[in-house]
Protein backbone atom coordinates (compact mmCIF):
# COMPACT_ATOMS: atom_id res chain seq x y z
CA MET A 1 -19.04 17.00 6.01
CA LYS A 2 -20.49 14.38 3.64
CA ASN A 3 -21.02 12.01 6.60
CA SER A 4 -22.88 14.78 8.39
CA ILE A 5 -25.26 15.20 5.45
CA ILE A 6 -25.76 11.45 5.19
CA ARG A 7 -26.40 11.21 8.95
CA LYS A 8 -28.99 14.01 8.76
CA LEU A 9 -30.56 12.40 5.70
CA PHE A 10 -30.82 9.13 7.63
CA VAL A 11 -32.54 10.96 10.50
CA ILE A 12 -35.00 12.51 8.04
CA VAL A 13 -35.81 9.15 6.44
CA PHE A 14 -36.11 7.48 9.84
CA ALA A 15 -38.44 10.25 11.02
CA LEU A 16 -40.55 9.55 7.95
CA VAL A 17 -40.94 5.90 8.88
CA VAL A 18 -41.79 6.66 12.51
CA SER A 19 -44.28 9.37 11.56
CA LEU A 20 -46.44 7.12 9.44
CA GLY A 21 -48.75 6.37 12.35
CA THR A 22 -49.62 3.24 14.24
CA ALA A 23 -50.46 -0.21 12.98
CA GLU A 24 -53.96 0.20 14.41
CA CYS A 25 -54.72 3.15 12.15
CA CYS A 26 -53.41 1.27 9.14
CA LYS A 27 -55.48 -1.82 9.96
CA ALA A 28 -58.58 0.32 10.38
CA GLN A 29 -57.95 2.25 7.17
CA SER A 30 -57.75 -0.95 5.10
CA LYS A 31 -61.53 -1.32 5.59
CA VAL A 32 -62.41 2.03 3.95
CA LYS A 33 -61.91 3.47 0.47
CA ASN A 34 -60.78 6.61 -1.34
CA THR A 35 -60.03 9.63 0.87
CA GLU A 36 -61.49 8.06 4.01
CA ALA A 37 -58.35 5.99 4.55
CA LEU A 38 -56.13 9.01 4.06
CA ASP A 39 -58.30 11.13 6.36
CA LEU A 40 -57.96 8.46 9.06
CA ILE A 41 -54.18 8.39 8.68
CA VAL A 42 -54.01 12.19 8.85
CA SER A 43 -56.19 12.48 11.95
CA THR A 44 -54.46 9.63 13.77
CA SER A 45 -50.99 10.92 12.94
CA ASN A 46 -51.86 14.49 13.93
CA SER A 47 -53.05 13.26 17.32
CA LEU A 48 -49.42 12.17 17.94
CA LEU A 49 -47.91 15.52 16.91
CA PRO A 50 -45.88 17.61 17.43
CA ARG A 51 -43.04 15.15 17.71
CA ASP A 52 -39.32 15.79 18.11
CA TYR A 53 -37.56 12.65 16.97
CA TYR A 54 -34.79 11.84 19.43
CA GLY A 55 -34.35 15.48 20.38
CA ASN A 56 -32.50 16.11 17.13
CA GLY A 57 -34.04 19.50 16.42
CA MET A 58 -36.43 18.35 13.70
CA VAL A 59 -40.04 18.48 14.87
CA ASN A 60 -42.87 16.94 12.84
CA THR A 61 -45.58 19.55 13.46
CA LYS A 62 -48.44 18.48 11.22
CA LEU A 63 -49.68 16.25 8.44
CA VAL A 64 -52.19 17.69 5.97
CA VAL A 65 -53.57 17.10 2.51
CA GLU A 66 -52.78 20.14 0.37
CA GLY A 67 -53.75 20.01 -3.27
CA ASN A 68 -52.39 16.80 -4.76
CA TYR A 69 -50.09 15.93 -1.84
CA LEU A 70 -50.13 14.50 1.63
CA VAL A 71 -47.70 16.93 3.27
CA TYR A 72 -45.50 16.22 6.29
CA TYR A 73 -44.37 19.49 7.89
CA TYR A 74 -41.11 19.54 9.86
CA VAL A 75 -39.76 22.56 11.71
CA CYS A 76 -35.96 22.39 11.81
CA GLU A 77 -33.51 24.01 14.21
CA GLU A 78 -31.09 26.27 12.41
CA PRO A 79 -28.15 26.19 11.92
CA LYS A 80 -28.20 22.47 12.83
CA TYR A 81 -30.26 21.95 9.68
CA ASP A 82 -29.25 24.23 6.84
CA ILE A 83 -32.42 24.73 4.79
CA ASP A 84 -30.48 26.24 1.87
CA ARG A 85 -28.23 23.18 1.74
CA MET A 86 -31.26 20.91 1.99
CA SER A 87 -32.81 22.78 -0.94
CA GLN A 88 -29.63 22.21 -2.96
CA ASN A 89 -29.76 18.46 -2.19
CA ILE A 90 -33.42 17.80 -3.00
CA PRO A 91 -32.69 15.15 -5.67
CA LEU A 92 -30.52 13.18 -3.22
CA MET A 93 -33.09 13.53 -0.44
CA LYS A 94 -35.94 12.61 -2.79
CA ASN A 95 -34.17 9.43 -3.90
CA ALA A 96 -33.66 8.35 -0.29
CA ILE A 97 -37.29 9.11 0.54
CA LEU A 98 -38.53 7.31 -2.59
CA ALA A 99 -36.59 4.21 -1.60
CA GLU A 100 -38.29 4.24 1.81
CA ILE A 101 -41.76 5.09 0.51
CA ASN A 102 -41.62 2.29 -2.04
CA SER A 103 -40.29 -0.30 0.40
CA ASP A 104 -42.30 -3.37 1.40
CA GLY A 105 -42.99 -2.55 5.07
CA TYR A 106 -46.59 -2.94 6.19
CA LEU A 107 -47.13 0.62 7.45
CA ILE A 108 -45.54 2.28 4.46
CA SER A 109 -47.44 -0.03 2.08
CA GLU A 110 -50.73 0.99 3.70
CA LEU A 111 -49.82 4.68 3.48
CA ARG A 112 -48.85 4.28 -0.17
CA LYS A 113 -52.11 2.44 -0.89
CA ALA A 114 -54.19 5.16 0.81
CA CYS A 115 -52.40 7.90 -1.15
CA LYS A 116 -52.89 6.09 -4.44
CA GLU A 117 -56.59 5.51 -3.72
CA ALA A 118 -56.99 9.21 -2.92
CA GLY A 119 -54.92 10.28 -5.93
CA VAL A 120 -52.30 12.20 -3.92
CA GLY A 121 -48.52 12.07 -3.75
CA ILE A 122 -46.43 12.57 -0.64
CA ALA A 123 -44.49 15.74 0.18
CA TYR A 124 -42.07 16.77 2.91
CA TYR A 125 -41.70 20.42 3.85
CA TYR A 126 -38.68 21.24 6.01
CA VAL A 127 -39.13 24.72 7.46
CA GLY A 128 -36.33 26.65 9.14
CA LYS A 129 -37.40 27.68 12.64
CA LYS A 130 -35.62 31.06 12.49
CA SER A 131 -35.55 31.87 8.79
CA GLY A 132 -38.91 30.45 7.74
CA LYS A 133 -37.23 29.15 4.57
CA THR A 134 -38.66 25.90 3.24
CA ALA A 135 -37.10 22.96 1.42
CA LYS A 136 -39.84 21.00 -0.36
CA ILE A 137 -39.57 17.42 -1.53
CA LEU A 138 -42.46 16.29 -3.72
CA VAL A 139 -43.17 12.68 -4.60
CA PRO A 140 -46.04 12.62 -7.13
CA VAL A 141 -48.60 9.83 -6.96
CA LYS A 142 -47.22 8.38 -10.22
CA ASP A 143 -43.92 7.67 -8.40
CA LEU A 144 -45.61 5.57 -5.71
CA LYS A 145 -45.08 1.84 -6.29
């Protein structure tokens, strides 16, 4: 059971990395400031959505700026993904996501830079397809390296 949670957590983190957009959008965004870079990332990423990563039942449906967060929305097949269990494991999931967000990869560094320039954190909303329940993971801008 623990391996199953870890495997699903790995899929979530991997989906995060893949969903960050293309190198071209990140190269282009490095030439602009403030929210322009973030707007470019959002529009480029949304042009690639919806996306079902490896047919695993977790579909990245949209990327939007809401309030103080850049929010990745995922619709999850239930019961394959138990939203209640995800909600109970938010600290564990947040730590895994923080490790990835604050890594040194080029794409993630550019995303982090754009978020910091715009003054927004990063959030992940996992929405149950049947139940509509949502597990929310919020990474405030102050936690971005």
